[in-house]
């Protein structure tokens, strides 16, 4: 799987993940089979909470890529908030285009 992340940032399994795409779709002749947002908790601060790295995995018939979406102290519902924002404001098309560029 291709990645635009610094090596070692996603060494273990994610703390949480959410499926963003429930059906296959075609865009610019590429079949997108899976889109998933993942949350990796990199550290905890007593005052600020969890420092999260949010990534999106896009699987296509041309390969798969994991891309950084956001990071920082985003609160206890970081994954859910980011996914909601992405899905409500037509961010999926931009994210898919970014993935297709990474895979080419």
Protein backbone atom coordinates (compact mmCIF):
# COMPACT_ATOMS: atom_id res chain seq x y z
CA UNK A 1 0.00 0.00 0.00
CA UNK A 2 1.31 3.46 -0.90
CA UNK A 3 1.39 6.10 1.81
CA UNK A 4 2.17 9.78 2.19
CA UNK A 5 2.88 9.37 5.91
CA UNK A 6 6.23 9.59 7.60
CA UNK A 7 7.60 6.07 8.28
CA UNK A 8 6.60 4.63 11.65
CA UNK A 9 3.60 6.84 12.34
CA UNK A 10 1.07 4.03 11.84
CA UNK A 11 3.08 1.14 13.24
CA UNK A 12 0.21 -0.56 15.06
CA UNK A 13 -3.50 -0.98 14.52
CA UNK A 14 -5.67 2.14 14.59
CA UNK A 15 -7.50 3.06 17.80
CA UNK A 16 -10.71 3.48 15.76
CA UNK A 17 -11.85 3.34 12.16
CA UNK A 18 -14.97 4.25 10.19
CA UNK A 19 -16.04 3.05 6.77
CA UNK A 20 -16.78 6.07 4.53
CA UNK A 21 -17.90 4.29 1.36
CA UNK A 22 -20.55 1.60 1.56
CA UNK A 23 -20.87 0.85 -2.16
CA UNK A 24 -18.32 0.63 -4.92
CA UNK A 25 -18.11 3.62 -7.22
CA UNK A 26 -16.30 4.57 -10.39
CA UNK A 27 -14.52 7.87 -10.87
CA UNK A 28 -12.44 8.81 -13.90
CA UNK A 29 -12.43 5.15 -14.97
CA UNK A 30 -11.10 3.90 -11.63
CA UNK A 31 -13.15 1.53 -9.45
CA UNK A 32 -13.07 2.63 -5.79
CA UNK A 33 -13.83 -0.40 -3.63
CA UNK A 34 -13.19 0.91 -0.11
CA UNK A 35 -12.73 4.17 1.79
CA UNK A 36 -11.97 4.11 5.48
CA UNK A 37 -10.94 6.81 7.95
CA UNK A 38 -8.57 5.70 10.71
CA UNK A 39 -7.55 7.28 14.00
CA UNK A 40 -4.14 6.58 15.49
CA UNK A 41 -3.58 8.00 18.99
CA UNK A 42 0.06 9.01 19.13
CA UNK A 43 0.18 10.39 22.66
CA UNK A 44 -1.96 11.58 25.54
CA UNK A 45 -1.79 14.82 27.47
CA UNK A 46 -3.55 15.18 30.82
CA UNK A 47 -4.88 18.62 29.95
CA UNK A 48 -5.32 18.45 26.16
CA UNK A 49 -6.38 14.82 25.73
CA UNK A 50 -5.37 12.56 22.85
CA UNK A 51 -3.11 13.67 20.02
CA UNK A 52 -4.65 11.93 17.01
CA UNK A 53 -3.36 11.21 13.53
CA UNK A 54 -6.33 10.79 11.18
CA UNK A 55 -5.75 9.00 7.89
CA UNK A 56 -7.90 7.86 5.01
CA UNK A 57 -7.35 4.56 3.19
CA UNK A 58 -8.64 4.39 -0.39
CA UNK A 59 -8.62 1.00 -2.14
CA UNK A 60 -9.08 0.88 -5.90
CA UNK A 61 -8.65 -1.54 -8.76
CA UNK A 62 -5.28 0.18 -9.35
CA UNK A 63 -3.96 -0.20 -5.80
CA UNK A 64 -4.41 1.24 -2.32
CA UNK A 65 -3.13 4.37 -0.60
CA UNK A 66 -3.20 5.66 2.98
CA UNK A 67 -3.10 9.45 3.22
CA UNK A 68 -2.89 11.85 6.14
CA UNK A 69 -6.16 13.71 6.62
CA UNK A 70 -5.62 15.65 9.87
CA UNK A 71 -3.71 15.56 13.14
CA UNK A 72 -3.65 17.27 16.50
CA UNK A 73 -5.51 17.46 19.79
CA UNK A 74 -9.02 17.16 18.34
CA UNK A 75 -11.03 15.95 21.34
CA UNK A 76 -12.66 12.63 22.22
CA UNK A 77 -14.79 12.46 19.04
CA UNK A 78 -12.01 13.39 16.58
CA UNK A 79 -12.71 10.53 14.17
CA UNK A 80 -16.46 10.98 14.09
CA UNK A 81 -16.23 14.79 13.68
CA UNK A 82 -13.72 14.56 10.82
CA UNK A 83 -15.76 11.88 9.01
CA UNK A 84 -18.96 13.91 9.37
CA UNK A 85 -17.24 17.03 8.00
CA UNK A 86 -15.80 15.09 5.07
CA UNK A 87 -19.12 13.47 4.15
CA UNK A 88 -21.29 16.59 4.55
CA UNK A 89 -19.25 19.04 2.51
CA UNK A 90 -18.48 17.14 -0.71
CA UNK A 91 -14.96 16.36 0.45
CA UNK A 92 -15.07 12.81 -0.89
CA UNK A 93 -14.49 13.86 -4.50
CA UNK A 94 -11.41 15.89 -3.55
CA UNK A 95 -10.11 13.03 -1.42
CA UNK A 96 -10.61 10.52 -4.24
CA UNK A 97 -8.83 12.84 -6.68
CA UNK A 98 -5.92 13.11 -4.24
CA UNK A 99 -5.77 9.32 -3.95
CA UNK A 100 -5.77 8.90 -7.74
CA UNK A 101 -2.86 11.34 -8.00
CA UNK A 102 -0.95 9.38 -5.33
CA UNK A 103 -1.55 6.12 -7.20
CA UNK A 104 -0.46 7.42 -10.60
